């Protein structure tokens, strides 16, 4: 079973490097979660496919790397790979 989601808004992007860098950003992430259904058990996540954009509100370029995207509701682990922003499990 595939479950599509779109997450968008504004938040804080915090790098996972030392010392961490923080950016105010806008984001739009399209996420498709592949759930496996098991007879008599709860479904489990088989994988996530995602692609999106994250932009600094002040217009500066965001370096490649791993980040924590702090939204109003959750923290999402993302990576800027140079081609797109992807959600990591």
PDB file of N, CA and C in Angstrom:
ATOM      1  N   UNK A   1       0.852  -1.165   0.000  1.00  0.00           N
ATOM      2  CA  UNK A   1       0.000   0.000   0.000  1.00  0.00           C
ATOM      3  C   UNK A   1       0.906   1.240   0.000  1.00  0.00           C
ATOM      4  N   UNK A   2       0.641   2.165  -0.920  1.00  0.00           N
ATOM      5  CA  UNK A   2       1.409   3.406  -1.012  1.00  0.00           C
ATOM      6  C   UNK A   2       0.614   4.541  -0.389  1.00  0.00           C
ATOM      7  N   UNK A   3       1.273   5.332   0.448  1.00  0.00           N
ATOM      8  CA  UNK A   3       0.627   6.452   1.119  1.00  0.00           C
ATOM      9  C   UNK A   3       1.351   7.735   0.729  1.00  0.00           C
ATOM     10  N   UNK A   4       0.731   8.579  -0.128  1.00  0.00           N
ATOM     11  CA  UNK A   4       1.373   9.846  -0.512  1.00  0.00           C
ATOM     12  C   UNK A   4       1.100  10.944   0.516  1.00  0.00           C
ATOM     13  N   UNK A   5       2.071  11.803   0.720  1.00  0.00           N
ATOM     14  CA  UNK A   5       1.937  12.957   1.620  1.00  0.00           C
ATOM     15  C   UNK A   5       2.649  14.150   1.007  1.00  0.00           C
ATOM     16  N   UNK A   6       2.141  15.320   1.289  1.00  0.00           N
ATOM     17  CA  UNK A   6       2.853  16.549   0.939  1.00  0.00           C
ATOM     18  C   UNK A   6       2.996  17.352   2.226  1.00  0.00           C
ATOM     19  N   UNK A   7       4.216  17.754   2.508  1.00  0.00           N
ATOM     20  CA  UNK A   7       4.486  18.586   3.680  1.00  0.00           C
ATOM     21  C   UNK A   7       5.084  19.879   3.171  1.00  0.00           C
ATOM     22  N   UNK A   8       4.511  20.995   3.596  1.00  0.00           N
ATOM     23  CA  UNK A   8       5.066  22.282   3.185  1.00  0.00           C
ATOM     24  C   UNK A   8       4.812  23.322   4.255  1.00  0.00           C
ATOM     25  N   UNK A   9       5.680  24.330   4.262  1.00  0.00           N
ATOM     26  CA  UNK A   9       5.560  25.399   5.236  1.00  0.00           C
ATOM     27  C   UNK A   9       6.906  26.064   5.463  1.00  0.00           C
ATOM     28  N   UNK A  10       7.036  26.631   6.660  1.00  0.00           N
ATOM     29  CA  UNK A  10       8.295  27.256   7.057  1.00  0.00           C
ATOM     30  C   UNK A  10       8.784  26.608   8.337  1.00  0.00           C
ATOM     31  N   UNK A  11      10.099  26.592   8.517  1.00  0.00           N
ATOM     32  CA  UNK A  11      10.666  25.981   9.700  1.00  0.00           C
ATOM     33  C   UNK A  11      12.125  26.358   9.863  1.00  0.00           C
ATOM     34  N   UNK A  12      12.795  25.589  10.715  1.00  0.00           N
ATOM     35  CA  UNK A  12      14.227  25.779  10.972  1.00  0.00           C
ATOM     36  C   UNK A  12      14.972  24.563  10.459  1.00  0.00           C
ATOM     37  N   UNK A  13      16.035  24.801   9.721  1.00  0.00           N
ATOM     38  CA  UNK A  13      16.887  23.738   9.210  1.00  0.00           C
ATOM     39  C   UNK A  13      18.181  23.787  10.008  1.00  0.00           C
ATOM     40  N   UNK A  14      18.536  22.689  10.674  1.00  0.00           N
ATOM     41  CA  UNK A  14      19.732  22.631  11.515  1.00  0.00           C
ATOM     42  C   UNK A  14      20.661  21.560  10.961  1.00  0.00           C
ATOM     43  N   UNK A  15      21.891  21.952  10.632  1.00  0.00           N
ATOM     44  CA  UNK A  15      22.852  20.994  10.076  1.00  0.00           C
ATOM     45  C   UNK A  15      23.297  20.015  11.156  1.00  0.00           C
ATOM     46  N   UNK A  16      23.741  18.850  10.714  1.00  0.00           N
ATOM     47  CA  UNK A  16      24.222  17.825  11.645  1.00  0.00           C
ATOM     48  C   UNK A  16      25.732  17.887  11.825  1.00  0.00           C
ATOM     49  N   UNK A  17      26.359  18.947  11.323  1.00  0.00           N
ATOM     50  CA  UNK A  17      27.800  19.099  11.487  1.00  0.00           C
ATOM     51  C   UNK A  17      28.094  19.813  12.805  1.00  0.00           C
ATOM     52  N   UNK A  18      29.371  19.848  13.184  1.00  0.00           N
ATOM     53  CA  UNK A  18      29.790  20.518  14.406  1.00  0.00           C
ATOM     54  C   UNK A  18      30.671  21.692  14.045  1.00  0.00           C
ATOM     55  N   UNK A  19      30.385  22.895  14.486  1.00  0.00           N
ATOM     56  CA  UNK A  19      29.157  23.289  15.188  1.00  0.00           C
ATOM     57  C   UNK A  19      27.992  23.365  14.194  1.00  0.00           C
ATOM     58  N   UNK A  20      26.776  23.089  14.671  1.00  0.00           N
ATOM     59  CA  UNK A  20      25.624  23.105  13.773  1.00  0.00           C
ATOM     60  C   UNK A  20      25.317  24.514  13.264  1.00  0.00           C
ATOM     61  N   UNK A  21      24.883  24.571  12.008  1.00  0.00           N
ATOM     62  CA  UNK A  21      24.436  25.824  11.410  1.00  0.00           C
ATOM     63  C   UNK A  21      22.911  25.782  11.358  1.00  0.00           C
ATOM     64  N   UNK A  22      22.282  26.935  11.522  1.00  0.00           N
ATOM     65  CA  UNK A  22      20.821  26.989  11.533  1.00  0.00           C
ATOM     66  C   UNK A  22      20.340  28.002  10.504  1.00  0.00           C
ATOM     67  N   UNK A  23      19.281  27.634   9.781  1.00  0.00           N
ATOM     68  CA  UNK A  23      18.733  28.483   8.734  1.00  0.00           C
ATOM     69  C   UNK A  23      17.209  28.542   8.879  1.00  0.00           C
ATOM     70  N   UNK A  24      16.627  29.695   8.656  1.00  0.00           N
ATOM     71  CA  UNK A  24      15.172  29.825   8.540  1.00  0.00           C
ATOM     72  C   UNK A  24      14.832  29.482   7.099  1.00  0.00           C
ATOM     73  N   UNK A  25      13.883  28.548   6.883  1.00  0.00           N
ATOM     74  CA  UNK A  25      13.627  28.028   5.545  1.00  0.00           C
ATOM     75  C   UNK A  25      12.133  27.906   5.247  1.00  0.00           C
ATOM     76  N   UNK A  26      11.846  27.818   3.964  1.00  0.00           N
ATOM     77  CA  UNK A  26      10.548  27.341   3.497  1.00  0.00           C
ATOM     78  C   UNK A  26      10.809  25.998   2.837  1.00  0.00           C
ATOM     79  N   UNK A  27       9.832  25.088   2.910  1.00  0.00           N
ATOM     80  CA  UNK A  27      10.053  23.751   2.379  1.00  0.00           C
ATOM     81  C   UNK A  27       8.780  23.208   1.738  1.00  0.00           C
ATOM     82  N   UNK A  28       8.974  22.308   0.794  1.00  0.00           N
ATOM     83  CA  UNK A  28       7.891  21.518   0.203  1.00  0.00           C
ATOM     84  C   UNK A  28       8.464  20.139  -0.076  1.00  0.00           C
ATOM     85  N   UNK A  29       7.916  19.128   0.577  1.00  0.00           N
ATOM     86  CA  UNK A  29       8.396  17.760   0.432  1.00  0.00           C
ATOM     87  C   UNK A  29       7.244  16.868  -0.013  1.00  0.00           C
ATOM     88  N   UNK A  30       7.453  16.095  -1.060  1.00  0.00           N
ATOM     89  CA  UNK A  30       6.505  15.080  -1.512  1.00  0.00           C
ATOM     90  C   UNK A  30       7.051  13.735  -1.078  1.00  0.00           C
ATOM     91  N   UNK A  31       6.285  13.017  -0.266  1.00  0.00           N
ATOM     92  CA  UNK A  31       6.755  11.779   0.337  1.00  0.00           C
ATOM     93  C   UNK A  31       5.769  10.661   0.001  1.00  0.00           C
ATOM     94  N   UNK A  32       6.292   9.525  -0.454  1.00  0.00           N
ATOM     95  CA  UNK A  32       5.471   8.342  -0.679  1.00  0.00           C
ATOM     96  C   UNK A  32       6.014   7.241   0.225  1.00  0.00           C
ATOM     97  N   UNK A  33       5.181   6.781   1.148  1.00  0.00           N
ATOM     98  CA  UNK A  33       5.563   5.724   2.073  1.00  0.00           C
ATOM     99  C   UNK A  33       4.983   4.407   1.581  1.00  0.00           C
ATOM    100  N   UNK A  34       5.828   3.388   1.462  1.00  0.00           N
ATOM    101  CA  UNK A  34       5.396   2.062   1.050  1.00  0.00           C
ATOM    102  C   UNK A  34       5.202   1.219   2.309  1.00  0.00           C
ATOM    103  N   UNK A  35       3.951   0.858   2.575  1.00  0.00           N
ATOM    104  CA  UNK A  35       3.620   0.067   3.760  1.00  0.00           C
ATOM    105  C   UNK A  35       3.371  -1.380   3.350  1.00  0.00           C
ATOM    106  N   UNK A  36       3.913  -2.321   4.115  1.00  0.00           N
ATOM    107  CA  UNK A  36       3.647  -3.741   3.913  1.00  0.00           C
ATOM    108  C   UNK A  36       2.597  -4.184   4.915  1.00  0.00           C
ATOM    109  N   UNK A  37       1.578  -4.848   4.417  1.00  0.00           N
ATOM    110  CA  UNK A  37       0.529  -5.342   5.297  1.00  0.00           C
ATOM    111  C   UNK A  37       0.793  -6.811   5.601  1.00  0.00           C
ATOM    112  N   UNK A  38       0.670  -7.158   6.881  1.00  0.00           N
ATOM    113  CA  UNK A  38       0.900  -8.526   7.341  1.00  0.00           C
ATOM    114  C   UNK A  38      -0.392  -9.031   7.963  1.00  0.00           C
ATOM    115  N   UNK A  39      -0.759 -10.245   7.613  1.00  0.00           N
ATOM    116  CA  UNK A  39      -1.982 -10.820   8.163  1.00  0.00           C
ATOM    117  C   UNK A  39      -1.853 -10.975   9.675  1.00  0.00           C
ATOM    118  N   UNK A  40      -2.785 -10.370  10.397  1.00  0.00           N
ATOM    119  CA  UNK A  40      -2.798 -10.474  11.849  1.00  0.00           C
ATOM    120  C   UNK A  40      -1.803  -9.576  12.560  1.00  0.00           C
ATOM    121  N   UNK A  41      -1.157  -8.658  11.842  1.00  0.00           N
ATOM    122  CA  UNK A  41      -0.169  -7.773  12.475  1.00  0.00           C
ATOM    123  C   UNK A  41      -0.317  -6.363  11.913  1.00  0.00           C
ATOM    124  N   UNK A  42       0.305  -5.430  12.590  1.00  0.00           N
ATOM    125  CA  UNK A  42       0.295  -4.037  12.139  1.00  0.00           C
ATOM    126  C   UNK A  42       1.123  -3.894  10.859  1.00  0.00           C
ATOM    127  N   UNK A  43       0.728  -2.985   9.964  1.00  0.00           N
ATOM    128  CA  UNK A  43       1.557  -2.727   8.770  1.00  0.00           C
ATOM    129  C   UNK A  43       2.919  -2.171   9.180  1.00  0.00           C
ATOM    130  N   UNK A  44       3.930  -2.440   8.366  1.00  0.00           N
ATOM    131  CA  UNK A  44       5.275  -1.928   8.618  1.00  0.00           C
ATOM    132  C   UNK A  44       5.735  -1.100   7.412  1.00  0.00           C
ATOM    133  N   UNK A  45       6.638  -0.160   7.676  1.00  0.00           N
ATOM    134  CA  UNK A  45       7.177   0.690   6.612  1.00  0.00           C
ATOM    135  C   UNK A  45       8.243  -0.092   5.854  1.00  0.00           C
ATOM    136  N   UNK A  46       8.027  -0.261   4.545  1.00  0.00           N
ATOM    137  CA  UNK A  46       8.998  -0.966   3.707  1.00  0.00           C
ATOM    138  C   UNK A  46       9.998  -0.001   3.088  1.00  0.00           C
ATOM    139  N   UNK A  47       9.611   1.257   2.950  1.00  0.00           N
ATOM    140  CA  UNK A  47      10.508   2.234   2.365  1.00  0.00           C
ATOM    141  C   UNK A  47       9.817   3.566   2.144  1.00  0.00           C
ATOM    142  N   UNK A  48      10.635   4.568   1.894  1.00  0.00           N
ATOM    143  CA  UNK A  48      10.129   5.918   1.651  1.00  0.00           C
ATOM    144  C   UNK A  48      10.816   6.452   0.399  1.00  0.00           C
ATOM    145  N   UNK A  49      10.026   7.018  -0.496  1.00  0.00           N
ATOM    146  CA  UNK A  49      10.568   7.765  -1.633  1.00  0.00           C
ATOM    147  C   UNK A  49      10.148   9.209  -1.451  1.00  0.00           C
ATOM    148  N   UNK A  50      11.058  10.106  -1.716  1.00  0.00           N
ATOM    149  CA  UNK A  50      10.720  11.516  -1.506  1.00  0.00           C
ATOM    150  C   UNK A  50      11.543  12.395  -2.424  1.00  0.00           C
ATOM    151  N   UNK A  51      11.036  13.586  -2.604  1.00  0.00           N
ATOM    152  CA  UNK A  51      11.745  14.607  -3.359  1.00  0.00           C
ATOM    153  C   UNK A  51      11.119  15.931  -2.968  1.00  0.00           C
ATOM    154  N   UNK A  52      11.910  16.961  -2.903  1.00  0.00           N
ATOM    155  CA  UNK A  52      11.343  18.244  -2.536  1.00  0.00           C
ATOM    156  C   UNK A  52      12.329  19.373  -2.659  1.00  0.00           C
ATOM    157  N   UNK A  53      11.898  20.511  -2.147  1.00  0.00           N
ATOM    158  CA  UNK A  53      12.744  21.703  -2.147  1.00  0.00           C
ATOM    159  C   UNK A  53      12.776  22.296  -0.754  1.00  0.00           C
ATOM    160  N   UNK A  54      13.920  22.843  -0.409  1.00  0.00           N
ATOM    161  CA  UNK A  54      14.102  23.600   0.831  1.00  0.00           C
ATOM    162  C   UNK A  54      14.878  24.847   0.440  1.00  0.00           C
ATOM    163  N   UNK A  55      14.357  26.005   0.813  1.00  0.00           N
ATOM    164  CA  UNK A  55      15.006  27.267   0.442  1.00  0.00           C
ATOM    165  C   UNK A  55      15.170  28.141   1.682  1.00  0.00           C
ATOM    166  N   UNK A  56      16.348  28.743   1.805  1.00  0.00           N
ATOM    167  CA  UNK A  56      16.587  29.679   2.900  1.00  0.00           C
ATOM    168  C   UNK A  56      15.738  30.928   2.669  1.00  0.00           C
ATOM    169  N   UNK A  57      15.116  31.434   3.725  1.00  0.00           N
ATOM    170  CA  UNK A  57      14.270  32.619   3.602  1.00  0.00           C
ATOM    171  C   UNK A  57      15.073  33.849   3.208  1.00  0.00           C
ATOM    172  N   UNK A  58      16.362  33.888   3.562  1.00  0.00           N
ATOM    173  CA  UNK A  58      17.187  35.046   3.197  1.00  0.00           C
ATOM    174  C   UNK A  58      17.839  34.896   1.832  1.00  0.00           C
ATOM    175  N   UNK A  59      17.554  33.797   1.113  1.00  0.00           N
ATOM    176  CA  UNK A  59      18.038  33.617  -0.246  1.00  0.00           C
ATOM    177  C   UNK A  59      19.414  33.010  -0.392  1.00  0.00           C
ATOM    178  N   UNK A  60      20.116  32.757   0.706  1.00  0.00           N
ATOM    179  CA  UNK A  60      21.462  32.202   0.554  1.00  0.00           C
ATOM    180  C   UNK A  60      21.401  30.709   0.200  1.00  0.00           C
ATOM    181  N   UNK A  61      22.472  30.231  -0.416  1.00  0.00           N
ATOM    182  CA  UNK A  61      22.553  28.824  -0.812  1.00  0.00           C
ATOM    183  C   UNK A  61      22.748  27.944   0.420  1.00  0.00           C
ATOM    184  N   UNK A  62      22.106  26.792   0.424  1.00  0.00           N
ATOM    185  CA  UNK A  62      22.248  25.833   1.519  1.00  0.00           C
ATOM    186  C   UNK A  62      23.247  24.760   1.094  1.00  0.00           C
ATOM    187  N   UNK A  63      24.280  24.517   1.909  1.00  0.00           N
ATOM    188  CA  UNK A  63      25.315  23.548   1.539  1.00  0.00           C
ATOM    189  C   UNK A  63      24.776  22.117   1.464  1.00  0.00           C
ATOM    190  N   UNK A  64      25.465  21.271   0.706  1.00  0.00           N
ATOM    191  CA  UNK A  64      25.143  19.844   0.673  1.00  0.00           C
ATOM    192  C   UNK A  64      25.309  19.264   2.062  1.00  0.00           C
ATOM    193  N   UNK A  65      24.521  18.238   2.395  1.00  0.00           N
ATOM    194  CA  UNK A  65      24.699  17.582   3.676  1.00  0.00           C
ATOM    195  C   UNK A  65      23.406  17.109   4.300  1.00  0.00           C
ATOM    196  N   UNK A  66      23.526  16.646   5.534  1.00  0.00           N
ATOM    197  CA  UNK A  66      22.411  16.117   6.303  1.00  0.00           C
ATOM    198  C   UNK A  66      21.927  17.177   7.295  1.00  0.00           C
ATOM    199  N   UNK A  67      20.604  17.258   7.439  1.00  0.00           N
ATOM    200  CA  UNK A  67      19.986  18.281   8.288  1.00  0.00           C
ATOM    201  C   UNK A  67      18.798  17.714   9.041  1.00  0.00           C
ATOM    202  N   UNK A  68      18.417  18.403  10.111  1.00  0.00           N
ATOM    203  CA  UNK A  68      17.147  18.179  10.792  1.00  0.00           C
ATOM    204  C   UNK A  68      16.265  19.365  10.471  1.00  0.00           C
ATOM    205  N   UNK A  69      15.104  19.090   9.867  1.00  0.00           N
ATOM    206  CA  UNK A  69      14.140  20.123   9.519  1.00  0.00           C
ATOM    207  C   UNK A  69      13.091  20.172  10.620  1.00  0.00           C
ATOM    208  N   UNK A  70      13.093  21.267  11.380  1.00  0.00           N
ATOM    209  CA  UNK A  70      12.156  21.444  12.494  1.00  0.00           C
ATOM    210  C   UNK A  70      10.922  22.174  11.973  1.00  0.00           C
ATOM    211  N   UNK A  71       9.783  21.466  11.956  1.00  0.00           N
ATOM    212  CA  UNK A  71       8.520  22.054  11.522  1.00  0.00           C
ATOM    213  C   UNK A  71       7.678  22.340  12.759  1.00  0.00           C
ATOM    214  N   UNK A  72       6.458  22.821  12.569  1.00  0.00           N
ATOM    215  CA  UNK A  72       5.572  23.059  13.710  1.00  0.00           C
ATOM    216  C   UNK A  72       5.208  21.770  14.437  1.00  0.00           C
ATOM    217  N   UNK A  73       5.178  20.649  13.703  1.00  0.00           N
ATOM    218  CA  UNK A  73       4.668  19.399  14.270  1.00  0.00           C
ATOM    219  C   UNK A  73       5.708  18.316  14.500  1.00  0.00           C
ATOM    220  N   UNK A  74       6.853  18.391  13.810  1.00  0.00           N
ATOM    221  CA  UNK A  74       7.802  17.284  13.880  1.00  0.00           C
ATOM    222  C   UNK A  74       9.200  17.728  13.438  1.00  0.00           C
ATOM    223  N   UNK A  75      10.148  16.817  13.624  1.00  0.00           N
ATOM    224  CA  UNK A  75      11.505  17.010  13.114  1.00  0.00           C
ATOM    225  C   UNK A  75      11.718  15.950  12.044  1.00  0.00           C
ATOM    226  N   UNK A  76      12.108  16.382  10.841  1.00  0.00           N
ATOM    227  CA  UNK A  76      12.289  15.488   9.701  1.00  0.00           C
ATOM    228  C   UNK A  76      13.764  15.481   9.326  1.00  0.00           C
ATOM    229  N   UNK A  77      14.360  14.287   9.240  1.00  0.00           N
ATOM    230  CA  UNK A  77      15.762  14.160   8.839  1.00  0.00           C
ATOM    231  C   UNK A  77      15.816  14.212   7.312  1.00  0.00           C
ATOM    232  N   UNK A  78      16.538  15.200   6.762  1.00  0.00           N
ATOM    233  CA  UNK A  78      16.618  15.389   5.313  1.00  0.00           C
ATOM    234  C   UNK A  78      18.073  15.492   4.861  1.00  0.00           C
ATOM    235  N   UNK A  79      18.264  15.292   3.560  1.00  0.00           N
ATOM    236  CA  UNK A  79      19.591  15.421   2.970  1.00  0.00           C
ATOM    237  C   UNK A  79      19.491  16.270   1.705  1.00  0.00           C
ATOM    238  N   UNK A  80      20.426  17.205   1.563  1.00  0.00           N
ATOM    239  CA  UNK A  80      20.593  17.948   0.321  1.00  0.00           C
ATOM    240  C   UNK A  80      21.702  17.230  -0.444  1.00  0.00           C
ATOM    241  N   UNK A  81      21.337  16.542  -1.536  1.00  0.00           N
ATOM    242  CA  UNK A  81      22.339  15.781  -2.287  1.00  0.00           C
ATOM    243  C   UNK A  81      22.816  16.511  -3.536  1.00  0.00           C
ATOM    244  N   UNK A  82      22.390  17.755  -3.694  1.00  0.00           N
ATOM    245  CA  UNK A  82      22.809  18.529  -4.845  1.00  0.00           C
ATOM    246  C   UNK A  82      21.822  18.513  -5.996  1.00  0.00           C
ATOM    247  N   UNK A  83      21.002  17.472  -6.068  1.00  0.00           N
ATOM    248  CA  UNK A  83      19.974  17.366  -7.092  1.00  0.00           C
ATOM    249  C   UNK A  83      18.582  17.652  -6.532  1.00  0.00           C
ATOM    250  N   UNK A  84      18.365  17.202  -5.301  1.00  0.00           N
ATOM    251  CA  UNK A  84      17.061  17.381  -4.653  1.00  0.00           C
ATOM    252  C   UNK A  84      17.243  17.203  -3.144  1.00  0.00           C
ATOM    253  N   UNK A  85      16.221  17.556  -2.424  1.00  0.00           N
ATOM    254  CA  UNK A  85      16.163  17.297  -0.999  1.00  0.00           C
ATOM    255  C   UNK A  85      15.378  15.995  -0.822  1.00  0.00           C
ATOM    256  N   UNK A  86      15.926  15.072  -0.026  1.00  0.00           N
ATOM    257  CA  UNK A  86      15.262  13.784   0.209  1.00  0.00           C
ATOM    258  C   UNK A  86      15.091  13.565   1.700  1.00  0.00           C
ATOM    259  N   UNK A  87      14.016  12.864   2.057  1.00  0.00           N
ATOM    260  CA  UNK A  87      13.737  12.502   3.446  1.00  0.00           C
ATOM    261  C   UNK A  87      14.440  11.185   3.731  1.00  0.00           C
ATOM    262  N   UNK A  88      15.139  11.123   4.850  1.00  0.00           N
ATOM    263  CA  UNK A  88      15.854   9.904   5.254  1.00  0.00           C
ATOM    264  C   UNK A  88      15.102   9.237   6.385  1.00  0.00           C
ATOM    265  N   UNK A  89      15.170   7.924   6.421  1.00  0.00           N
ATOM    266  CA  UNK A  89      14.512   7.168   7.492  1.00  0.00           C
ATOM    267  C   UNK A  89      15.365   7.157   8.730  1.00  0.00           C
TER     268      UNK A  89
END
